[in-house]
Protein backbone atom coordinates (compact mmCIF):
# COMPACT_ATOMS: atom_id res chain seq x y z
CA MET A 1 -41.46 26.36 -59.70
CA ILE A 2 -42.06 23.03 -57.10
CA ARG A 3 -44.48 22.48 -55.11
CA LEU A 4 -44.47 19.23 -52.98
CA THR A 5 -47.75 18.55 -50.80
CA ASP A 6 -47.94 15.60 -48.03
CA ILE A 7 -46.42 13.60 -49.84
CA GLU A 8 -46.24 9.80 -49.47
CA ARG A 9 -43.87 7.28 -50.68
CA LYS A 10 -44.31 3.67 -49.08
CA PHE A 11 -42.04 0.86 -50.25
CA ARG A 12 -42.95 -3.28 -49.34
CA VAL A 13 -39.99 -5.07 -48.18
CA GLY A 14 -41.01 -8.16 -47.76
CA ASP A 15 -43.87 -8.25 -44.67
CA GLU A 16 -42.74 -4.94 -43.77
CA THR A 17 -44.34 -1.44 -45.41
CA VAL A 18 -41.25 0.90 -45.37
CA HIS A 19 -42.14 4.61 -45.06
CA ALA A 20 -39.67 6.29 -47.70
CA LEU A 21 -41.31 9.42 -47.29
CA ARG A 22 -43.61 10.40 -44.53
CA GLY A 23 -46.02 14.02 -45.62
CA VAL A 24 -43.39 16.00 -46.99
CA SER A 25 -44.18 19.34 -47.81
CA LEU A 26 -41.83 21.76 -49.67
CA ASP A 27 -41.73 24.28 -52.18
CA ILE A 28 -38.84 25.64 -54.27
CA ALA A 29 -38.68 28.71 -56.70
CA ALA A 30 -36.91 29.10 -59.67
CA GLY A 31 -33.38 29.61 -59.58
CA GLU A 32 -33.13 28.43 -55.66
CA TYR A 33 -30.17 26.81 -54.92
CA LEU A 34 -30.56 24.03 -52.44
CA SER A 35 -29.24 20.84 -50.82
CA ILE A 36 -31.01 18.05 -49.27
CA MET A 37 -29.16 16.24 -46.18
CA GLY A 38 -29.48 13.43 -44.47
CA PRO A 39 -27.83 9.91 -43.01
CA SER A 40 -28.20 6.87 -45.14
CA GLY A 41 -31.57 5.59 -45.30
CA SER A 42 -33.37 8.87 -44.62
CA GLY A 43 -35.24 9.54 -47.64
CA LYS A 44 -32.96 11.79 -49.91
CA SER A 45 -33.04 9.42 -52.44
CA SER A 46 -36.96 9.10 -52.79
CA LEU A 47 -37.27 12.50 -52.27
CA LEU A 48 -35.02 13.16 -55.31
CA ASN A 49 -36.48 10.58 -57.38
CA VAL A 50 -39.85 12.39 -57.01
CA LEU A 51 -38.85 15.43 -57.49
CA GLY A 52 -37.29 14.29 -60.69
CA LEU A 53 -40.40 12.01 -62.11
CA LEU A 54 -38.55 9.11 -61.76
CA ASP A 55 -40.85 7.93 -58.79
CA ARG A 56 -44.38 8.44 -58.14
CA PRO A 57 -45.79 9.28 -54.82
CA ASN A 58 -48.40 6.84 -53.10
CA ALA A 59 -50.28 10.28 -51.88
CA GLY A 60 -50.00 14.01 -52.37
CA ARG A 61 -49.42 16.52 -54.94
CA TYR A 62 -46.84 17.68 -56.70
CA GLU A 63 -47.12 20.70 -59.40
CA LEU A 64 -43.96 21.84 -61.30
CA ASP A 65 -44.33 25.19 -63.07
CA GLY A 66 -47.56 25.57 -61.82
CA ARG A 67 -49.05 22.01 -63.57
CA ASP A 68 -50.24 19.40 -61.56
CA VAL A 69 -47.74 16.23 -62.73
CA THR A 70 -49.14 13.89 -60.19
CA GLY A 71 -51.35 11.62 -62.11
CA LEU A 72 -49.62 12.26 -65.57
CA THR A 73 -48.76 9.02 -67.68
CA ASP A 74 -45.25 7.24 -68.23
CA ASP A 75 -45.55 8.91 -71.83
CA GLU A 76 -46.00 12.41 -70.39
CA LEU A 77 -43.54 12.41 -67.42
CA ALA A 78 -40.87 11.24 -69.64
CA GLN A 79 -41.80 14.15 -71.82
CA VAL A 80 -42.10 16.76 -68.87
CA ARG A 81 -38.86 15.21 -67.90
CA ARG A 82 -37.01 15.59 -71.22
CA GLU A 83 -37.84 18.96 -71.22
CA LYS A 84 -37.71 20.95 -67.74
CA ILE A 85 -34.94 18.35 -65.48
CA GLY A 86 -31.29 17.82 -65.81
CA PHE A 87 -29.72 15.15 -63.87
CA VAL A 88 -26.15 14.27 -62.53
CA PHE A 89 -25.58 11.31 -60.75
CA GLN A 90 -22.81 10.16 -58.64
CA PHE A 91 -21.74 7.19 -61.28
CA PHE A 92 -22.09 9.47 -64.20
CA HIS A 93 -24.49 7.32 -66.03
CA LEU A 94 -23.12 7.55 -69.32
CA VAL A 95 -23.46 4.96 -72.25
CA PRO A 96 -20.23 3.03 -72.42
CA ARG A 97 -20.41 2.54 -76.25
CA LEU A 98 -20.78 5.96 -76.66
CA THR A 99 -18.43 8.70 -77.23
CA ALA A 100 -18.68 11.81 -75.04
CA GLU A 101 -20.03 13.79 -77.77
CA GLN A 102 -22.73 10.94 -78.16
CA ASN A 103 -23.50 10.50 -74.59
CA ILE A 104 -24.47 14.80 -75.03
CA GLU A 105 -26.31 14.12 -77.76
CA LEU A 106 -28.76 11.48 -76.95
CA PRO A 107 -31.51 13.28 -75.18
CA MET A 108 -31.83 15.85 -77.64
CA MET A 109 -31.74 13.05 -80.42
CA LEU A 110 -34.49 11.28 -78.15
CA ALA A 111 -36.76 14.28 -78.34
CA GLY A 112 -36.03 15.09 -82.08
CA ILE A 113 -34.34 17.98 -82.15
CA ASP A 114 -32.92 19.36 -85.39
CA PRO A 115 -29.73 18.30 -86.71
CA LEU A 116 -28.62 21.66 -87.15
CA GLU A 117 -29.78 22.79 -83.58
CA ARG A 118 -28.09 19.73 -81.96
CA ARG A 119 -25.05 20.33 -83.39
CA ARG A 120 -24.99 23.91 -82.64
CA ARG A 121 -25.78 23.06 -78.74
CA LEU A 122 -23.42 20.01 -79.02
CA ASP A 123 -20.57 22.52 -80.02
CA ARG A 124 -21.58 24.86 -77.33
CA LEU A 125 -21.67 22.48 -74.52
CA LEU A 126 -17.83 20.68 -75.52
CA THR A 127 -16.45 24.35 -75.87
CA GLU A 128 -18.08 25.50 -72.36
CA TYR A 129 -17.14 22.14 -70.89
CA GLY A 130 -13.37 21.88 -72.15
CA LEU A 131 -14.62 18.74 -73.46
CA GLU A 132 -13.48 19.30 -77.30
CA SER A 133 -10.11 17.41 -76.92
CA ARG A 134 -12.34 14.41 -75.65
CA ALA A 135 -15.25 14.76 -77.61
CA ARG A 136 -14.68 11.35 -79.32
CA HIS A 137 -13.82 9.18 -76.39
CA ARG A 138 -16.03 7.03 -74.70
CA PRO A 139 -16.05 6.69 -70.68
CA ASP A 140 -13.59 4.54 -70.30
CA GLN A 141 -10.78 6.45 -71.94
CA LEU A 142 -11.75 9.45 -69.52
CA SER A 143 -10.89 10.67 -65.96
CA GLY A 144 -13.51 10.78 -63.64
CA GLY A 145 -13.50 14.97 -64.07
CA GLN A 146 -14.74 14.30 -67.48
CA CYS A 147 -16.69 11.75 -67.26
CA GLN A 148 -18.91 13.90 -64.91
CA ARG A 149 -18.48 16.86 -67.06
CA VAL A 150 -20.12 14.73 -69.91
CA ALA A 151 -22.79 13.95 -67.27
CA ILE A 152 -23.25 17.83 -66.77
CA ALA A 153 -23.25 19.01 -70.48
CA ARG A 154 -25.71 16.17 -70.95
CA ALA A 155 -27.86 17.32 -68.42
CA MET A 156 -27.53 20.88 -69.90
CA SER A 157 -28.20 19.83 -73.43
CA MET A 158 -31.80 20.30 -73.19
CA GLU A 159 -31.72 23.76 -71.55
CA PRO A 160 -33.57 22.31 -68.25
CA GLY A 161 -34.79 24.79 -65.35
CA VAL A 162 -34.12 22.35 -63.01
CA ILE A 163 -30.99 20.23 -62.08
CA LEU A 164 -30.79 17.66 -59.79
CA ALA A 165 -27.62 16.48 -58.80
CA ASP A 166 -27.22 13.47 -56.43
CA GLU A 167 -23.69 13.07 -54.54
CA PRO A 168 -22.34 14.36 -57.82
CA THR A 169 -18.80 14.62 -55.90
CA GLY A 170 -19.30 11.42 -54.42
CA ASN A 171 -17.07 9.64 -56.74
CA LEU A 172 -14.46 11.90 -57.19
CA ASP A 173 -11.26 13.06 -55.58
CA ARG A 174 -11.77 16.65 -53.56
CA HIS A 175 -9.78 18.76 -55.98
CA THR A 176 -11.98 17.58 -58.89
CA GLY A 177 -14.99 17.57 -56.86
CA GLN A 178 -14.40 20.99 -56.08
CA GLU A 179 -14.37 21.41 -59.83
CA VAL A 180 -17.14 19.75 -60.61
CA MET A 181 -19.23 21.86 -58.02
CA ALA A 182 -17.80 25.35 -59.40
CA LEU A 183 -19.54 24.07 -62.80
CA LEU A 184 -22.90 23.36 -60.86
CA GLU A 185 -22.95 26.64 -59.20
CA ALA A 186 -22.05 28.52 -62.33
CA LEU A 187 -25.34 26.61 -64.29
CA HIS A 188 -27.15 28.69 -60.46
CA ALA A 189 -25.30 31.46 -61.59
CA GLY A 190 -26.87 31.64 -64.63
CA GLY A 191 -30.37 31.23 -63.38
CA GLY A 192 -31.15 27.74 -62.89
CA THR A 193 -32.35 25.73 -60.20
CA LEU A 194 -30.43 23.63 -57.98
CA VAL A 195 -30.81 20.42 -55.87
CA VAL A 196 -27.80 18.97 -54.67
CA VAL A 197 -28.89 15.76 -52.49
CA THR A 198 -25.56 14.97 -50.26
CA HIS A 199 -24.86 12.94 -47.16
CA ASP A 200 -21.36 15.66 -46.74
CA ALA A 201 -22.40 18.21 -44.94
CA GLU A 202 -19.21 20.63 -45.93
CA LEU A 203 -20.72 20.19 -49.60
CA GLY A 204 -24.55 21.15 -48.35
CA ASN A 205 -23.50 23.90 -46.41
CA ARG A 206 -22.44 25.43 -49.68
CA ALA A 207 -25.88 25.85 -50.84
CA ARG A 208 -28.18 28.86 -49.57
CA ARG A 209 -31.31 26.96 -48.31
CA ARG A 210 -30.27 23.59 -46.60
CA ILE A 211 -32.94 21.09 -46.31
CA ARG A 212 -32.47 18.28 -43.71
CA ILE A 213 -34.60 14.98 -44.17
CA VAL A 214 -34.40 12.10 -41.45
CA ASP A 215 -37.02 9.04 -41.19
CA GLY A 216 -38.56 10.72 -44.83
CA ALA A 217 -39.47 13.86 -42.48
CA ILE A 218 -38.20 16.95 -43.03
CA VAL A 219 -36.65 18.27 -39.87
CA ALA A 220 -34.76 21.29 -40.91
CA ASP A 221 -35.21 24.41 -43.17
CA ALA A 222 -32.32 26.71 -43.21
CA ARG A 223 -31.70 29.77 -44.86
CA ASP A 224 -28.55 32.34 -45.42
């Protein structure tokens, strides 16, 4: 499903060049559950941004579902992201002025999905994530766990094959974090590809495959 070959990502910081990713090659099969771990500044977020088509590598090749997406235009990248990738972030990234159901519906509206189909998916997601009673509440009226459930439902609204979760429990208490991980792992159990980026070894070790990145390079790749 995903193939990275010799990916390089560099940034200019003042007069210096920072190598965020150094020759990263990685294959991720459809339906895998893997974590990407490493210390702060190791390149985890840079790798996530490349995987999620949020950032372009300076060199290398990225194939998604057999298609080379490295040289796509911004509009083409946005379409691929919308159709194939769902994102779950530490700080939720919900639109503050929108209600829970409006946040979930937003990607479908941007994609031009028929209103009746949007309503069908929205009702299903509100039910699946236990949000029916909070559907018309804005993010500032929700708990952290409820916000993350809204974020997961939003990520699933376009029925993507890949879920990228960036420190998904980092802003939650331990109990709520466990509930959120159970939701994400249920998506994997249903056949989805789940990639969790974390500095938390306990969280990362839940995955069946564990990638460790240091100084922009993959230094370990372990599987159960």
